[in-house]
Amino acid sequence: MASEARPAKAERQAQILMELKLRPHVRIADLAARFSVTPETIRRDLGALDGRGQIRRAYGGATAPFPDTRHGLEARQGTRVEERARIGRAAAALVTPGETLMIDAGATTIEFARYLAIAATPVTVITNCLQVAQLLGGVPGGQVMLCGGRLLAGEGALVGAEAVEALGRYRVDACYLGASAIDEASVSEAVQGFDAVKRAMLAAAARRVVLIDSTKQGRRDFAQVAPLSKIDLVVTDRAPEAGLARSLAAQGVALRVARG
């Protein structure tokens, strides 16, 4: 019988925990399909696991219980794919041909660069991200410069004092940055070395844009990048909760929600 093939509740919840050891985020819809149960059943499972402190509920699914632990770039690129694509597409639509940009390393900023490349938007880009450079290097009329520095292999990114010093030699129209967390006070980062690069890009840019998916809202990570007052625009995939929305408005930060 079909019902006999479905894992019992305890087994299903154990398998959900195993999934979160392998990847940082799981979706309700994916879990419901995998276990042949309704989304409501998965929501009850996630509620029970959250109540025991074994997971953290997040929009549309759940994250691992220690959200400050970052997975490598390749693992992150396999999660929140649709949401990152929406953010990247919305941000790319803001760019005017001929602009000078700084783009930092991360799964969401790579999506932003991908949509700039698809649109063949000619821009001058300074980046610390190898994939961003590869994506934009072939755009006709554009120019790409890597900032130099120490290679952080798992992130495909250049960091360190040389990277920060190189970025400080330029002034650009805008910077587009990712981040691992944003709360009512600041933008913060978990990857060692990323925070200094982001601060250097913020200091060099006339317009400062943060691209961040909704699972990172309302969180704070180890290294502060900047207070909200240093940000001009946040592009995300879901409207923030009231407290964060009020803080953004109070600090004059514009908000753009990239809907499907």
Protein backbone atom coordinates (compact mmCIF):
# COMPACT_ATOMS: atom_id res chain seq x y z
CA MET A 1 0.00 0.00 0.00
CA ALA A 2 1.16 3.57 -0.74
CA SER A 3 0.80 4.60 2.91
CA GLU A 4 3.24 1.87 3.99
CA ALA A 5 5.96 3.46 1.83
CA ARG A 6 5.73 6.72 3.69
CA PRO A 7 8.13 7.13 6.63
CA ALA A 8 6.56 7.34 10.06
CA LYS A 9 6.61 10.73 11.76
CA ALA A 10 9.75 10.06 13.83
CA GLU A 11 11.63 8.68 10.83
CA ARG A 12 10.50 11.56 8.63
CA GLN A 13 11.69 14.11 11.16
CA ALA A 14 15.03 12.31 11.49
CA GLN A 15 15.44 12.47 7.72
CA ILE A 16 14.66 16.19 7.74
CA LEU A 17 17.45 16.71 10.27
CA MET A 18 19.79 14.69 8.06
CA GLU A 19 18.90 16.91 5.08
CA LEU A 20 19.89 19.97 7.10
CA LYS A 21 23.29 18.46 7.81
CA LEU A 22 23.88 18.32 4.07
CA ARG A 23 22.48 21.69 3.03
CA PRO A 24 21.63 24.90 4.87
CA HIS A 25 17.96 25.23 3.91
CA VAL A 26 15.09 22.86 3.09
CA ARG A 27 11.76 23.78 1.50
CA ILE A 28 8.34 22.63 2.65
CA ALA A 29 7.24 21.87 -0.91
CA ASP A 30 10.32 19.74 -1.61
CA LEU A 31 9.95 17.79 1.63
CA ALA A 32 6.24 17.18 1.04
CA ALA A 33 6.99 15.77 -2.41
CA ARG A 34 9.84 13.62 -1.14
CA PHE A 35 7.84 12.06 1.69
CA SER A 36 4.51 11.92 -0.19
CA VAL A 37 2.69 13.91 2.48
CA THR A 38 0.88 17.23 2.51
CA PRO A 39 2.64 20.56 3.13
CA GLU A 40 0.59 20.85 6.34
CA THR A 41 2.15 17.62 7.60
CA ILE A 42 5.64 18.99 6.93
CA ARG A 43 4.76 22.25 8.66
CA ARG A 44 3.75 20.26 11.75
CA ASP A 45 7.03 18.33 11.58
CA LEU A 46 9.02 21.56 11.32
CA GLY A 47 7.03 23.08 14.17
CA ALA A 48 7.85 20.09 16.38
CA LEU A 49 11.55 20.17 15.48
CA ASP A 50 11.69 23.93 16.00
CA GLY A 51 10.05 23.54 19.40
CA ARG A 52 12.80 21.12 20.42
CA GLY A 53 15.48 23.53 19.20
CA GLN A 54 16.65 21.13 16.48
CA ILE A 55 15.95 23.46 13.55
CA ARG A 56 15.11 27.07 12.87
CA ARG A 57 11.94 27.86 10.97
CA ALA A 58 12.47 30.08 7.93
CA TYR A 59 10.26 31.45 5.17
CA GLY A 60 9.00 28.49 3.13
CA GLY A 61 10.98 25.90 5.06
CA ALA A 62 13.70 25.59 7.68
CA THR A 63 17.39 26.17 8.27
CA ALA A 64 19.98 24.38 10.39
CA PRO A 65 19.91 25.22 14.12
CA PHE A 66 23.22 27.07 13.94
CA PRO A 67 22.53 29.63 11.22
CA ASP A 68 25.83 31.45 11.69
CA THR A 69 27.68 28.44 10.23
CA ARG A 70 28.28 29.15 6.56
CA HIS A 71 28.48 26.50 3.92
CA GLY A 72 30.81 26.88 0.94
CA LEU A 73 29.80 28.82 -2.14
CA GLU A 74 28.95 25.74 -4.20
CA ALA A 75 26.58 24.44 -1.51
CA ARG A 76 24.88 27.83 -1.13
CA GLN A 77 24.37 28.15 -4.87
CA GLY A 78 22.24 25.00 -4.73
CA THR A 79 19.79 26.56 -2.27
CA ARG A 80 17.25 29.38 -2.60
CA VAL A 81 17.89 29.24 -6.34
CA GLU A 82 14.63 30.86 -7.43
CA GLU A 83 14.82 33.57 -4.78
CA ARG A 84 18.40 34.48 -5.64
CA ALA A 85 17.50 34.61 -9.31
CA ARG A 86 14.64 37.04 -8.62
CA ILE A 87 16.91 39.27 -6.54
CA GLY A 88 19.67 39.18 -9.16
CA ARG A 89 17.27 40.00 -12.00
CA ALA A 90 15.67 42.89 -10.09
CA ALA A 91 19.05 44.36 -9.16
CA ALA A 92 20.43 44.05 -12.69
CA ALA A 93 17.47 46.07 -13.97
CA LEU A 94 18.70 49.01 -11.85
CA VAL A 95 22.03 49.25 -13.65
CA THR A 96 22.57 51.81 -16.43
CA PRO A 97 24.97 51.02 -19.30
CA GLY A 98 28.34 52.66 -18.75
CA GLU A 99 28.20 52.66 -14.95
CA THR A 100 31.20 51.77 -12.80
CA LEU A 101 30.46 49.09 -10.22
CA MET A 102 32.02 47.09 -7.42
CA ILE A 103 30.52 43.63 -6.94
CA ASP A 104 31.59 41.39 -4.09
CA ALA A 105 31.64 37.60 -3.83
CA GLY A 106 28.62 35.48 -2.99
CA ALA A 107 25.85 33.32 -4.41
CA THR A 108 23.38 36.20 -4.79
CA THR A 109 25.84 38.68 -6.30
CA ILE A 110 26.82 35.99 -8.81
CA GLU A 111 23.16 35.83 -9.88
CA PHE A 112 23.19 39.61 -10.22
CA ALA A 113 26.26 39.38 -12.48
CA ARG A 114 24.62 36.59 -14.47
CA TYR A 115 21.63 38.80 -15.31
CA LEU A 116 23.91 41.70 -16.23
CA ALA A 117 25.64 39.31 -18.63
CA ILE A 118 22.35 38.02 -20.06
CA ALA A 119 21.27 41.61 -20.73
CA ALA A 120 24.74 42.37 -22.15
CA THR A 121 24.85 45.53 -20.03
CA PRO A 122 28.24 47.21 -20.67
CA VAL A 123 29.71 48.26 -17.33
CA THR A 124 33.12 48.63 -15.73
CA VAL A 125 33.33 46.22 -12.81
CA ILE A 126 35.85 45.82 -10.02
CA THR A 127 35.31 42.59 -8.12
CA ASN A 128 36.92 40.14 -5.73
CA CYS A 129 34.82 37.26 -7.12
CA LEU A 130 36.21 34.90 -9.76
CA GLN A 131 32.78 33.85 -11.05
CA VAL A 132 31.60 37.46 -11.36
CA ALA A 133 34.71 38.24 -13.41
CA GLN A 134 34.12 35.22 -15.66
CA LEU A 135 30.46 36.07 -16.21
CA LEU A 136 31.04 39.72 -17.11
CA GLY A 137 34.41 39.44 -18.82
CA GLY A 138 32.86 38.71 -22.20
CA VAL A 139 30.22 41.46 -22.27
CA PRO A 140 30.89 43.69 -25.31
CA GLY A 141 31.90 47.19 -24.30
CA GLY A 142 32.44 46.22 -20.68
CA GLN A 143 35.58 45.97 -18.59
CA VAL A 144 36.36 43.75 -15.58
CA MET A 145 39.14 44.08 -13.03
CA LEU A 146 39.96 41.66 -10.23
CA CYS A 147 41.17 43.43 -7.13
CA GLY A 148 43.94 40.99 -6.16
CA GLY A 149 44.55 39.54 -2.72
CA ARG A 150 44.58 36.13 -1.06
CA LEU A 151 42.38 33.44 -2.64
CA LEU A 152 39.68 31.99 -0.42
CA ALA A 153 39.27 28.85 -2.49
CA GLY A 154 35.97 27.59 -1.09
CA GLU A 155 34.35 30.93 -1.91
CA GLY A 156 36.12 31.66 -5.20
CA ALA A 157 36.97 35.05 -3.70
CA LEU A 158 39.95 37.31 -3.07
CA VAL A 159 40.32 38.74 0.43
CA GLY A 160 42.92 40.26 2.71
CA ALA A 161 44.90 43.49 3.01
CA GLU A 162 45.91 43.56 -0.66
CA ALA A 163 42.28 43.33 -1.77
CA VAL A 164 41.21 46.10 0.60
CA GLU A 165 44.12 48.34 -0.45
CA ALA A 166 43.38 47.83 -4.15
CA LEU A 167 39.70 48.65 -3.74
CA GLY A 168 40.60 51.84 -1.89
CA ARG A 169 42.25 53.23 -5.04
CA TYR A 170 38.96 53.51 -6.94
CA ARG A 171 35.68 55.41 -6.79
CA VAL A 172 32.60 53.91 -8.45
CA ASP A 173 28.98 54.76 -9.14
CA ALA A 174 27.62 51.87 -7.09
CA CYS A 175 28.53 48.74 -5.16
CA TYR A 176 26.38 45.62 -5.02
CA LEU A 177 27.07 43.47 -1.99
CA GLY A 178 25.74 40.26 -0.51
CA ALA A 179 25.67 39.56 3.23
CA SER A 180 24.93 36.69 5.57
CA ALA A 181 22.66 38.67 7.89
CA ILE A 182 20.72 41.90 8.35
CA ASP A 183 18.93 43.05 11.47
CA GLU A 184 17.46 46.27 12.86
CA ALA A 185 20.92 47.73 13.50
CA SER A 186 23.32 46.55 10.82
CA VAL A 187 24.44 44.33 7.99
CA SER A 188 26.84 41.57 9.10
CA GLU A 189 28.91 38.75 7.68
CA ALA A 190 30.06 35.27 8.72
CA VAL A 191 32.80 34.50 6.18
CA GLN A 192 36.19 35.54 7.53
CA GLY A 193 37.68 38.33 5.44
CA PHE A 194 34.48 39.25 3.61
CA ASP A 195 33.56 42.03 6.04
CA ALA A 196 36.69 44.10 5.33
CA VAL A 197 36.21 43.80 1.56
CA LYS A 198 32.58 44.88 1.85
CA ARG A 199 33.51 47.90 3.96
CA ALA A 200 36.10 48.94 1.38
CA MET A 201 33.52 48.69 -1.40
CA LEU A 202 30.98 50.69 0.61
CA ALA A 203 33.56 53.44 1.15
CA ALA A 204 34.31 53.61 -2.58
CA ALA A 205 30.73 53.76 -3.89
CA ALA A 206 28.33 56.65 -4.40
CA ARG A 207 25.33 54.28 -4.23
CA ARG A 208 25.37 51.26 -1.90
CA VAL A 209 23.11 48.28 -2.53
CA VAL A 210 22.74 45.08 -0.49
CA LEU A 211 21.30 41.94 -2.10
CA ILE A 212 20.04 39.55 0.55
CA ASP A 213 17.49 36.74 0.62
CA SER A 214 14.75 36.59 3.22
CA THR A 215 16.24 33.74 5.31
CA LYS A 216 18.92 36.20 6.43
CA GLN A 217 16.51 38.86 7.67
CA GLY A 218 16.37 39.44 11.41
CA ARG A 219 19.77 37.82 12.01
CA ARG A 220 23.17 39.04 13.13
CA ASP A 221 26.47 37.35 12.32
CA PHE A 222 29.96 37.60 13.81
CA ALA A 223 31.45 40.55 11.91
CA GLN A 224 29.57 43.81 11.44
CA VAL A 225 29.90 45.21 7.93
CA ALA A 226 28.05 48.49 8.36
CA PRO A 227 25.16 50.13 10.18
CA LEU A 228 21.97 50.46 8.16
CA SER A 229 22.67 54.18 7.76
CA LYS A 230 25.52 53.30 5.38
CA ILE A 231 23.19 51.44 3.00
CA ASP A 232 21.05 53.10 0.32
CA LEU A 233 18.98 50.17 -0.98
CA VAL A 234 18.16 46.60 0.06
CA VAL A 235 16.92 44.16 -2.59
CA THR A 236 15.32 41.02 -1.18
CA ASP A 237 12.74 38.40 -2.11
CA ARG A 238 10.21 38.96 0.67
CA ALA A 239 9.09 42.02 2.62
CA PRO A 240 10.80 42.12 6.04
CA GLU A 241 8.93 41.87 9.32
CA ALA A 242 7.70 45.06 10.91
CA GLY A 243 10.69 45.77 13.15
CA LEU A 244 13.27 45.52 10.41
CA ALA A 245 11.03 47.41 7.97
CA ARG A 246 10.72 50.29 10.46
CA SER A 247 14.48 50.40 11.02
CA LEU A 248 15.18 50.50 7.29
CA ALA A 249 12.71 53.34 6.82
CA ALA A 250 14.06 55.26 9.81
CA GLN A 251 17.59 55.09 8.40
CA GLY A 252 16.47 56.16 4.93
CA VAL A 253 17.17 52.79 3.33
CA ALA A 254 15.03 52.10 0.27
CA LEU A 255 13.57 48.61 -0.08
CA ARG A 256 12.85 46.67 -3.26
CA VAL A 257 11.08 43.31 -3.02
CA ALA A 258 11.76 41.06 -6.01
CA ARG A 259 8.55 39.13 -6.51
CA GLY A 260 8.06 36.20 -8.87
